[in-house]
Amino acid sequence: MVRAVVLINAGRGQIEATGEEVAGVPGVYEVYSVAGRVDLVAHIRVATNDELAEIVSGRLAKIEGVVATETLIAFRVYSREDSEAGFS
């Protein structure tokens, strides 16, 4: 499984609508509206790098409110859920 975090800058006054549209893209697991240098953070989970490329370059880039993106591909995932599963 390929996991990535996509940092998204939205157009002025378009954060909510953009977040909702991004959340509707298949492969997007969650979208957060955040404070800081970006407006939205999307978590993506897909099977292949090609699918990730299609989502970021093919789908997200075409959403009207998306001004810019930065994609961070996860090498490893560390989570409480994974740790707890190892002890059960």
Protein backbone atom coordinates (compact mmCIF):
# COMPACT_ATOMS: atom_id res chain seq x y z
CA MET A 1 0.00 0.00 0.00
CA VAL A 2 1.20 3.49 -0.88
CA ARG A 3 0.40 6.20 1.63
CA ALA A 4 0.97 9.90 1.17
CA VAL A 5 0.17 13.23 2.74
CA VAL A 6 -0.73 16.03 0.35
CA LEU A 7 -0.44 19.62 1.53
CA ILE A 8 -2.92 21.81 -0.31
CA ASN A 9 -3.28 25.56 -0.69
CA ALA A 10 -6.81 26.62 -1.60
CA GLY A 11 -8.09 29.79 -3.21
CA ARG A 12 -9.41 32.62 -1.06
CA GLY A 13 -12.79 31.69 0.38
CA GLN A 14 -12.63 28.19 -1.13
CA ILE A 15 -11.23 26.09 1.72
CA GLU A 16 -14.48 24.39 2.72
CA ALA A 17 -15.68 23.64 -0.82
CA THR A 18 -12.21 22.49 -1.87
CA GLY A 19 -11.86 20.24 1.18
CA GLU A 20 -15.22 18.60 0.49
CA GLU A 21 -14.35 18.01 -3.16
CA VAL A 22 -10.91 16.59 -2.30
CA ALA A 23 -12.53 14.27 0.26
CA GLY A 24 -14.74 12.85 -2.48
CA VAL A 25 -11.82 11.69 -4.62
CA PRO A 26 -11.37 7.88 -4.47
CA GLY A 27 -8.17 7.04 -2.61
CA VAL A 28 -8.38 10.09 -0.35
CA TYR A 29 -8.77 8.72 3.17
CA GLU A 30 -9.17 11.96 5.14
CA VAL A 31 -8.90 15.71 4.62
CA TYR A 32 -8.13 18.19 7.40
CA SER A 33 -8.55 21.95 7.40
CA VAL A 34 -5.47 23.21 9.25
CA ALA A 35 -3.73 26.34 10.53
CA GLY A 36 -0.28 27.12 9.19
CA ARG A 37 1.30 27.63 5.79
CA VAL A 38 -1.20 25.35 4.02
CA ASP A 39 -4.99 25.26 4.12
CA LEU A 40 -5.73 21.54 3.80
CA VAL A 41 -3.95 18.25 4.46
CA ALA A 42 -5.15 15.13 2.63
CA HIS A 43 -4.20 11.56 3.58
CA ILE A 44 -4.11 9.24 0.60
CA ARG A 45 -4.02 5.44 0.61
CA VAL A 46 -3.72 3.60 -2.70
CA ALA A 47 -2.21 0.39 -4.04
CA THR A 48 0.38 1.82 -6.45
CA ASN A 49 2.49 4.89 -7.18
CA ASP A 50 0.66 5.21 -10.49
CA GLU A 51 -2.64 5.57 -8.62
CA LEU A 52 -1.08 8.23 -6.40
CA ALA A 53 0.17 10.12 -9.44
CA GLU A 54 -3.28 9.99 -11.01
CA ILE A 55 -4.91 11.36 -7.86
CA VAL A 56 -2.44 14.21 -7.34
CA SER A 57 -1.72 15.18 -10.94
CA GLY A 58 -4.93 14.03 -12.57
CA ARG A 59 -7.64 14.69 -10.01
CA LEU A 60 -6.52 17.16 -7.34
CA ALA A 61 -4.79 19.50 -9.79
CA LYS A 62 -8.06 19.86 -11.70
CA ILE A 63 -10.15 20.87 -8.69
CA GLU A 64 -10.99 24.55 -9.11
CA GLY A 65 -10.07 25.63 -5.57
CA VAL A 66 -6.67 23.90 -5.51
CA VAL A 67 -3.96 26.52 -6.00
CA ALA A 68 -0.89 24.40 -5.13
CA THR A 69 0.02 20.99 -3.71
CA GLU A 70 3.04 19.37 -2.10
CA THR A 71 3.09 15.56 -1.83
CA LEU A 72 4.91 13.70 0.92
CA ILE A 73 5.16 9.95 0.26
CA ALA A 74 5.37 7.77 3.38
CA PHE A 75 8.21 5.26 3.57
CA ARG A 76 6.97 3.72 6.83
CA VAL A 77 3.87 4.23 8.94
CA TYR A 78 4.08 4.31 12.72
CA SER A 79 0.78 4.33 14.54
CA ARG A 80 -0.71 3.46 17.89
CA GLU A 81 -3.08 1.07 16.10
CA ASP A 82 -0.15 -0.88 14.65
CA SER A 83 1.65 -1.00 18.02
CA GLU A 84 -1.42 -2.18 19.91
CA ALA A 85 -2.11 -4.90 17.30
CA GLY A 86 1.40 -6.28 17.89
CA PHE A 87 0.67 -6.86 21.58
CA SER A 88 -2.78 -8.45 21.26
